[in-house]
Protein backbone atom coordinates (compact mmCIF):
# COMPACT_ATOMS: atom_id res chain seq x y z
CA MET A 1 30.78 90.05 123.99
CA SER A 2 29.93 86.64 125.37
CA LYS A 3 32.79 84.43 126.47
CA TYR A 4 30.11 81.87 127.25
CA LEU A 5 28.94 81.80 123.63
CA LEU A 6 32.48 81.62 122.24
CA ASN A 7 33.31 78.73 124.55
CA LYS A 8 29.99 77.03 123.81
CA PHE A 9 30.76 77.16 120.07
CA LEU A 10 34.26 75.75 120.56
CA PHE A 11 33.02 73.04 122.93
CA THR A 12 30.06 71.86 120.85
CA VAL A 13 31.86 71.89 117.50
CA ASP A 14 34.87 70.03 118.93
CA ARG A 15 32.66 67.21 120.22
CA ASP A 16 30.99 66.48 116.88
CA PRO A 17 33.28 65.04 114.16
CA GLU A 18 30.87 66.12 111.41
CA LEU A 19 30.84 69.70 112.71
CA VAL A 20 34.64 69.68 112.95
CA GLU A 21 34.84 68.79 109.25
CA ARG A 22 32.15 71.31 108.36
CA TYR A 23 33.99 74.05 110.28
CA ARG A 24 37.28 73.09 108.61
CA ASP A 25 35.79 73.14 105.10
CA ASP A 26 33.40 76.09 105.47
CA PRO A 27 34.18 78.17 108.55
CA ALA A 28 32.01 81.16 107.59
CA GLY A 29 29.01 79.03 106.70
CA THR A 30 29.40 76.92 109.83
CA VAL A 31 29.63 79.95 112.12
CA ASP A 32 26.56 81.55 110.52
CA TRP A 33 24.57 78.28 110.70
CA TRP A 34 25.63 77.54 114.28
CA GLU A 35 24.76 81.04 115.46
CA ALA A 36 21.32 80.88 113.82
CA GLU A 37 20.46 77.29 114.77
CA ARG A 38 22.45 76.32 117.85
CA ALA A 39 23.63 79.39 119.76
CA ASN A 40 20.42 79.77 121.71
CA LEU A 41 19.89 76.10 122.51
CA LEU A 42 20.53 75.42 126.15
CA LEU A 43 23.26 72.88 126.83
CA ASN A 44 21.97 69.47 127.90
CA CYS A 45 18.33 70.40 127.24
CA THR A 46 15.75 69.57 124.61
CA ALA A 47 15.46 71.69 121.47
CA ALA A 48 12.30 73.25 122.90
CA GLU A 49 14.36 74.85 125.67
CA ARG A 50 15.87 77.93 124.03
CA SER A 51 17.20 81.33 124.84
CA THR A 52 16.61 84.23 122.45
CA TRP A 53 19.32 86.77 123.12
CA LEU A 54 22.72 85.17 122.48
CA ALA A 55 24.67 86.34 119.45
CA PHE A 56 28.30 86.81 118.48
CA THR A 57 29.78 90.28 118.16
CA ASP A 58 31.23 91.20 114.78
CA ASP A 59 34.76 90.67 116.15
CA GLU A 60 33.89 87.25 117.57
CA ARG A 61 32.22 86.21 114.33
CA ARG A 62 35.24 87.36 112.29
CA ALA A 63 37.75 85.56 114.54
CA LEU A 64 35.74 82.32 114.39
CA LYS A 65 35.38 82.56 110.62
CA GLU A 66 39.11 83.19 110.22
CA HIS A 67 40.14 80.47 112.70
CA ASP A 68 42.01 83.19 114.61
CA HIS A 69 42.80 81.49 117.92
CA VAL A 70 44.97 84.39 119.12
CA ALA A 71 42.09 86.86 118.75
CA LEU A 72 39.69 84.38 120.35
CA PHE A 73 42.00 84.04 123.36
CA GLY A 74 42.19 87.83 123.59
CA MET A 75 38.39 87.88 123.75
CA GLY A 76 38.38 85.41 126.62
CA ALA A 77 37.87 82.08 124.84
CA HIS A 78 39.38 79.30 126.92
CA PRO A 79 42.75 78.23 125.44
CA PHE A 80 42.12 74.53 126.07
CA LEU A 81 38.93 74.70 124.01
CA THR A 82 40.62 76.49 121.12
CA LEU A 83 43.62 74.17 121.25
CA THR A 84 41.63 70.93 121.22
CA LEU A 85 39.34 72.09 118.41
CA PHE A 86 42.17 73.51 116.34
CA ILE A 87 44.19 70.31 116.77
CA ALA A 88 41.19 68.42 115.35
CA LEU A 89 41.03 70.91 112.48
CA PHE A 90 44.68 71.24 111.53
CA GLU A 91 46.97 68.66 113.12
CA ARG A 92 46.52 66.34 110.12
CA ASP A 93 48.19 68.97 107.93
CA HIS A 94 51.38 68.94 110.02
CA GLY A 95 53.95 66.54 111.44
CA PRO A 96 53.92 65.36 115.05
CA LEU A 97 53.41 68.29 117.44
CA GLU A 98 54.11 70.85 114.68
CA TYR A 99 50.66 72.37 114.99
CA GLN A 100 50.80 72.58 118.79
CA ILE A 101 54.21 74.30 118.58
CA ALA A 102 52.90 76.76 115.96
CA TYR A 103 49.83 77.42 118.13
CA GLY A 104 52.05 78.27 121.10
CA ARG A 105 54.39 80.37 118.96
CA ALA A 106 51.44 82.45 117.73
CA MET A 107 50.55 83.22 121.35
CA LYS A 108 54.14 83.86 122.48
CA HIS A 109 53.74 87.65 122.39
CA LEU A 110 51.08 87.55 125.12
CA THR A 111 52.19 88.47 128.61
CA LEU A 112 50.65 88.36 132.05
CA PRO A 113 48.06 89.22 133.02
CA TYR A 114 46.33 87.08 130.41
CA PRO A 115 42.78 87.87 129.38
CA ASP A 116 40.17 86.65 131.81
CA ILE A 117 38.90 83.27 130.61
CA THR A 118 36.27 82.74 133.27
CA THR A 119 32.67 82.49 132.09
């Protein structure tokens, strides 16, 4: 499992409006494409600078494809990254703050100590 890769996905998708829409409309296709094309690019480097070993686990891939922020948090994804991306994905479908309240309610069952979110 790579918390780094999960957080990198959430961070990079959230900062690109076209990727946000792509992930909203086709989460499975977006996750597969991103993993194949972007996962091993180094942040803030040219496309020629690549790693070769980063990949999602089956559980990470499933949670990303299902937009399962609770499972992602349990795997160590940073909650601020999931929240900001998921607000961009779903807030438009809800009234003011409804999505944020539902997000929090879905995580209500979690107790301390929370999963480690350091990368």
